[in-house]
Amino acid sequence: MSTQNDLLIAIRQITRAIDMSSKRLVKSAGLTAPQFLVLQTLSAREPKKPSDIAKEVYLSQATVTSIVDRLSKAELVRREKSETDRRVINIYLTTEGEGRLKNAPPLLQENFTKQFEGLDRWEQTLLLSSLQRLAAMMNAEEIDAAPILEVGDLTQDI
């Protein structure tokens, strides 16, 4: 088999692993990876503004607002006006949201991150530069993507 085919197979395996992980999360907890990450940022039990959540999970504020809308409808989070500044809306995790987090499987990137951090610095740099080159070869370097391993339309709000 050619090196080109081996590379395409590896890309497909990565895509399938991400897809399977995303489906497992939706099936077991009823959450997408971005929804899970929003809940996870709120698990510290301190209220957060949508803009703060957006910075933590590397998503736009509009995307986080859309995610919070869905989570609020499902009663996994609640919105409250700040007592000190009535213009500020804080987001809180509900008991139901805590339960969903506890029942959710670990995200694919959690295991990846542990293994990646165990590599020597030179190997981390080699992998990063190789994948950046691969993204450029696929004309994907301009696609806005958060470091969330999930399959889906990256141009659409989640």
C-alpha atoms as a PDB file:
ATOM      1  CA  MET A   1       0.000   0.000   0.000  1.00  0.00           C
ATOM      2  CA  SER A   2       1.249   3.493  -0.759  1.00  0.00           C
ATOM      3  CA  THR A   3       2.230   6.061   1.841  1.00  0.00           C
ATOM      4  CA  GLN A   4      -0.520   8.311   0.490  1.00  0.00           C
ATOM      5  CA  ASN A   5      -3.139   5.620   1.131  1.00  0.00           C
ATOM      6  CA  ASP A   6      -1.716   4.960   4.598  1.00  0.00           C
ATOM      7  CA  LEU A   7      -2.058   8.662   5.380  1.00  0.00           C
ATOM      8  CA  LEU A   8      -5.646   8.785   4.093  1.00  0.00           C
ATOM      9  CA  ILE A   9      -6.511   5.711   6.165  1.00  0.00           C
ATOM     10  CA  ALA A  10      -5.028   7.369   9.281  1.00  0.00           C
ATOM     11  CA  ILE A  11      -7.073  10.521   8.617  1.00  0.00           C
ATOM     12  CA  ARG A  12     -10.211   8.408   8.226  1.00  0.00           C
ATOM     13  CA  GLN A  13      -9.436   6.540  11.468  1.00  0.00           C
ATOM     14  CA  ILE A  14      -9.103   9.852  13.314  1.00  0.00           C
ATOM     15  CA  THR A  15     -12.365  11.102  11.817  1.00  0.00           C
ATOM     16  CA  ARG A  16     -14.148   7.875  12.789  1.00  0.00           C
ATOM     17  CA  ALA A  17     -12.746   7.983  16.346  1.00  0.00           C
ATOM     18  CA  ILE A  18     -14.052  11.537  16.753  1.00  0.00           C
ATOM     19  CA  ASP A  19     -17.424  10.586  15.277  1.00  0.00           C
ATOM     20  CA  MET A  20     -17.784   7.522  17.517  1.00  0.00           C
ATOM     21  CA  SER A  21     -16.800   9.507  20.621  1.00  0.00           C
ATOM     22  CA  SER A  22     -19.327  12.223  19.786  1.00  0.00           C
ATOM     23  CA  LYS A  23     -22.089   9.677  19.232  1.00  0.00           C
ATOM     24  CA  ARG A  24     -21.239   7.910  22.508  1.00  0.00           C
ATOM     25  CA  LEU A  25     -21.515  11.229  24.373  1.00  0.00           C
ATOM     26  CA  VAL A  26     -24.862  12.071  22.764  1.00  0.00           C
ATOM     27  CA  LYS A  27     -26.218   8.562  23.375  1.00  0.00           C
ATOM     28  CA  SER A  28     -25.120   8.260  27.012  1.00  0.00           C
ATOM     29  CA  ALA A  29     -25.573  11.843  28.237  1.00  0.00           C
ATOM     30  CA  GLY A  30     -27.659  13.554  25.561  1.00  0.00           C
ATOM     31  CA  LEU A  31     -24.943  16.179  25.101  1.00  0.00           C
ATOM     32  CA  THR A  32     -22.709  17.356  22.304  1.00  0.00           C
ATOM     33  CA  ALA A  33     -19.039  17.906  23.100  1.00  0.00           C
ATOM     34  CA  PRO A  34     -19.439  21.718  23.167  1.00  0.00           C
ATOM     35  CA  GLN A  35     -22.459  21.398  25.481  1.00  0.00           C
ATOM     36  CA  PHE A  36     -20.430  19.098  27.729  1.00  0.00           C
ATOM     37  CA  LEU A  37     -17.577  21.614  27.832  1.00  0.00           C
ATOM     38  CA  VAL A  38     -19.936  24.448  28.783  1.00  0.00           C
ATOM     39  CA  LEU A  39     -21.367  22.345  31.612  1.00  0.00           C
ATOM     40  CA  GLN A  40     -17.865  21.358  32.665  1.00  0.00           C
ATOM     41  CA  THR A  41     -16.777  25.008  32.950  1.00  0.00           C
ATOM     42  CA  LEU A  42     -19.765  25.637  35.207  1.00  0.00           C
ATOM     43  CA  SER A  43     -19.028  22.627  37.416  1.00  0.00           C
ATOM     44  CA  ALA A  44     -16.797  24.750  39.664  1.00  0.00           C
ATOM     45  CA  ARG A  45     -20.121  26.027  41.036  1.00  0.00           C
ATOM     46  CA  GLU A  46     -19.232  29.661  40.465  1.00  0.00           C
ATOM     47  CA  PRO A  47     -21.459  31.706  38.174  1.00  0.00           C
ATOM     48  CA  LYS A  48     -19.992  32.663  34.834  1.00  0.00           C
ATOM     49  CA  LYS A  49     -20.917  35.137  32.167  1.00  0.00           C
ATOM     50  CA  PRO A  50     -21.366  33.751  28.635  1.00  0.00           C
ATOM     51  CA  SER A  51     -18.319  35.748  27.500  1.00  0.00           C
ATOM     52  CA  ASP A  52     -16.168  34.059  30.175  1.00  0.00           C
ATOM     53  CA  ILE A  53     -17.445  30.632  29.140  1.00  0.00           C
ATOM     54  CA  ALA A  54     -16.701  31.428  25.491  1.00  0.00           C
ATOM     55  CA  LYS A  55     -13.083  32.259  26.323  1.00  0.00           C
ATOM     56  CA  GLU A  56     -12.630  29.059  28.331  1.00  0.00           C
ATOM     57  CA  VAL A  57     -14.024  26.717  25.681  1.00  0.00           C
ATOM     58  CA  TYR A  58     -12.623  28.570  22.633  1.00  0.00           C
ATOM     59  CA  LEU A  59     -16.010  29.234  21.040  1.00  0.00           C
ATOM     60  CA  SER A  60     -17.629  32.478  19.950  1.00  0.00           C
ATOM     61  CA  GLN A  61     -19.938  34.210  22.383  1.00  0.00           C
ATOM     62  CA  ALA A  62     -22.811  33.749  19.903  1.00  0.00           C
ATOM     63  CA  THR A  63     -22.185  30.009  19.833  1.00  0.00           C
ATOM     64  CA  VAL A  64     -22.053  29.828  23.630  1.00  0.00           C
ATOM     65  CA  THR A  65     -25.288  31.811  23.870  1.00  0.00           C
ATOM     66  CA  SER A  66     -26.941  29.305  21.529  1.00  0.00           C
ATOM     67  CA  ILE A  67     -25.584  26.387  23.577  1.00  0.00           C
ATOM     68  CA  VAL A  68     -26.755  27.998  26.833  1.00  0.00           C
ATOM     69  CA  ASP A  69     -30.218  28.490  25.269  1.00  0.00           C
ATOM     70  CA  ARG A  70     -30.445  24.745  24.598  1.00  0.00           C
ATOM     71  CA  LEU A  71     -29.038  23.802  27.990  1.00  0.00           C
ATOM     72  CA  SER A  72     -31.442  26.186  29.695  1.00  0.00           C
ATOM     73  CA  LYS A  73     -34.435  24.684  27.876  1.00  0.00           C
ATOM     74  CA  ALA A  74     -33.287  21.257  29.053  1.00  0.00           C
ATOM     75  CA  GLU A  75     -32.976  22.690  32.592  1.00  0.00           C
ATOM     76  CA  LEU A  76     -29.280  21.817  32.784  1.00  0.00           C
ATOM     77  CA  VAL A  77     -28.290  25.451  33.436  1.00  0.00           C
ATOM     78  CA  ARG A  78     -30.121  28.537  34.634  1.00  0.00           C
ATOM     79  CA  ARG A  79     -29.622  32.209  33.929  1.00  0.00           C
ATOM     80  CA  GLU A  80     -29.754  34.855  36.658  1.00  0.00           C
ATOM     81  CA  LYS A  81     -29.144  38.555  36.631  1.00  0.00           C
ATOM     82  CA  SER A  82     -26.167  39.593  38.719  1.00  0.00           C
ATOM     83  CA  GLU A  83     -27.052  41.160  42.044  1.00  0.00           C
ATOM     84  CA  THR A  84     -24.207  43.665  41.733  1.00  0.00           C
ATOM     85  CA  ASP A  85     -24.778  44.635  38.085  1.00  0.00           C
ATOM     86  CA  ARG A  86     -28.257  44.009  36.697  1.00  0.00           C
ATOM     87  CA  ARG A  87     -26.919  44.227  33.116  1.00  0.00           C
ATOM     88  CA  VAL A  88     -24.870  41.070  33.660  1.00  0.00           C
ATOM     89  CA  ILE A  89     -26.416  37.631  33.224  1.00  0.00           C
ATOM     90  CA  ASN A  90     -24.715  34.791  35.079  1.00  0.00           C
ATOM     91  CA  ILE A  91     -25.030  31.141  34.135  1.00  0.00           C
ATOM     92  CA  TYR A  92     -25.305  28.461  36.818  1.00  0.00           C
ATOM     93  CA  LEU A  93     -25.175  24.682  36.613  1.00  0.00           C
ATOM     94  CA  THR A  94     -28.341  22.958  37.874  1.00  0.00           C
ATOM     95  CA  THR A  95     -28.545  19.685  39.768  1.00  0.00           C
ATOM     96  CA  GLU A  96     -29.784  18.056  36.558  1.00  0.00           C
ATOM     97  CA  GLY A  97     -26.747  19.460  34.733  1.00  0.00           C
ATOM     98  CA  GLU A  98     -24.442  18.001  37.388  1.00  0.00           C
ATOM     99  CA  GLY A  99     -26.057  14.611  36.904  1.00  0.00           C
ATOM    100  CA  ARG A 100     -25.516  14.733  33.151  1.00  0.00           C
ATOM    101  CA  LEU A 101     -21.848  15.554  33.675  1.00  0.00           C
ATOM    102  CA  LYS A 102     -21.384  12.640  36.086  1.00  0.00           C
ATOM    103  CA  ASN A 103     -23.007  10.186  33.669  1.00  0.00           C
ATOM    104  CA  ALA A 104     -21.105  11.373  30.609  1.00  0.00           C
ATOM    105  CA  PRO A 105     -18.153   9.382  29.277  1.00  0.00           C
ATOM    106  CA  PRO A 106     -14.792  11.157  29.148  1.00  0.00           C
ATOM    107  CA  LEU A 107     -14.209  13.246  26.047  1.00  0.00           C
ATOM    108  CA  LEU A 108     -11.855  11.869  23.419  1.00  0.00           C
ATOM    109  CA  GLN A 109      -9.521  14.829  23.859  1.00  0.00           C
ATOM    110  CA  GLU A 110      -9.025  14.055  27.558  1.00  0.00           C
ATOM    111  CA  ASN A 111      -7.189  10.809  26.794  1.00  0.00           C
ATOM    112  CA  PHE A 112      -5.440  12.433  23.825  1.00  0.00           C
ATOM    113  CA  THR A 113      -4.231  15.328  25.989  1.00  0.00           C
ATOM    114  CA  LYS A 114      -2.766  12.974  28.604  1.00  0.00           C
ATOM    115  CA  GLN A 115      -0.889  10.996  25.982  1.00  0.00           C
ATOM    116  CA  PHE A 116       0.246  14.093  24.077  1.00  0.00           C
ATOM    117  CA  GLU A 117       1.612  15.708  27.242  1.00  0.00           C
ATOM    118  CA  GLY A 118       3.610  12.520  27.867  1.00  0.00           C
ATOM    119  CA  LEU A 119       5.526  12.969  24.611  1.00  0.00           C
ATOM    120  CA  ASP A 120       8.888  14.703  24.389  1.00  0.00           C
ATOM    121  CA  ARG A 121       8.701  18.341  23.305  1.00  0.00           C
ATOM    122  CA  TRP A 122      10.316  17.588  19.929  1.00  0.00           C
ATOM    123  CA  GLU A 123       7.681  14.938  19.185  1.00  0.00           C
ATOM    124  CA  GLN A 124       4.841  17.293  20.151  1.00  0.00           C
ATOM    125  CA  THR A 125       6.284  19.912  17.787  1.00  0.00           C
ATOM    126  CA  LEU A 126       6.695  17.346  15.004  1.00  0.00           C
ATOM    127  CA  LEU A 127       3.067  16.225  15.301  1.00  0.00           C
ATOM    128  CA  LEU A 128       1.799  19.790  15.427  1.00  0.00           C
ATOM    129  CA  SER A 129       3.754  20.923  12.390  1.00  0.00           C
ATOM    130  CA  SER A 130       2.780  17.799  10.427  1.00  0.00           C
ATOM    131  CA  LEU A 131      -0.915  18.278  11.136  1.00  0.00           C
ATOM    132  CA  GLN A 132      -0.752  21.993  10.370  1.00  0.00           C
ATOM    133  CA  ARG A 133       0.862  21.127   7.040  1.00  0.00           C
ATOM    134  CA  LEU A 134      -1.843  18.526   6.411  1.00  0.00           C
ATOM    135  CA  ALA A 135      -4.568  21.100   7.157  1.00  0.00           C
ATOM    136  CA  ALA A 136      -2.932  23.467   4.670  1.00  0.00           C
ATOM    137  CA  MET A 137      -2.797  20.722   2.034  1.00  0.00           C
ATOM    138  CA  MET A 138      -6.544  20.224   2.533  1.00  0.00           C
ATOM    139  CA  ASN A 139      -7.178  23.986   2.260  1.00  0.00           C
ATOM    140  CA  ALA A 140      -8.531  23.861   5.802  1.00  0.00           C
ATOM    141  CA  GLU A 141      -6.225  26.349   7.512  1.00  0.00           C
ATOM    142  CA  GLU A 142      -8.817  29.144   7.288  1.00  0.00           C
ATOM    143  CA  ILE A 143     -11.573  27.101   8.927  1.00  0.00           C
ATOM    144  CA  ASP A 144     -12.293  28.399  12.412  1.00  0.00           C
ATOM    145  CA  ALA A 145     -12.082  25.392  14.709  1.00  0.00           C
ATOM    146  CA  ALA A 146     -12.008  25.135  18.470  1.00  0.00           C
ATOM    147  CA  PRO A 147      -9.876  22.456  20.140  1.00  0.00           C
ATOM    148  CA  ILE A 148     -12.940  20.278  20.592  1.00  0.00           C
ATOM    149  CA  LEU A 149     -12.847  16.884  18.955  1.00  0.00           C
ATOM    150  CA  GLU A 150     -16.294  16.636  17.435  1.00  0.00           C
ATOM    151  CA  VAL A 151     -17.581  15.874  13.984  1.00  0.00           C
ATOM    152  CA  GLY A 152     -19.917  18.388  12.440  1.00  0.00           C
ATOM    153  CA  ASP A 153     -20.294  21.523  10.381  1.00  0.00           C
ATOM    154  CA  LEU A 154     -17.669  23.889  11.758  1.00  0.00           C
ATOM    155  CA  THR A 155     -19.249  26.855   9.964  1.00  0.00           C
ATOM    156  CA  GLN A 156     -22.533  26.534  11.797  1.00  0.00           C
ATOM    157  CA  ASP A 157     -23.353  27.502  15.373  1.00  0.00           C
ATOM    158  CA  ILE A 158     -23.706  24.481  17.601  1.00  0.00           C
END
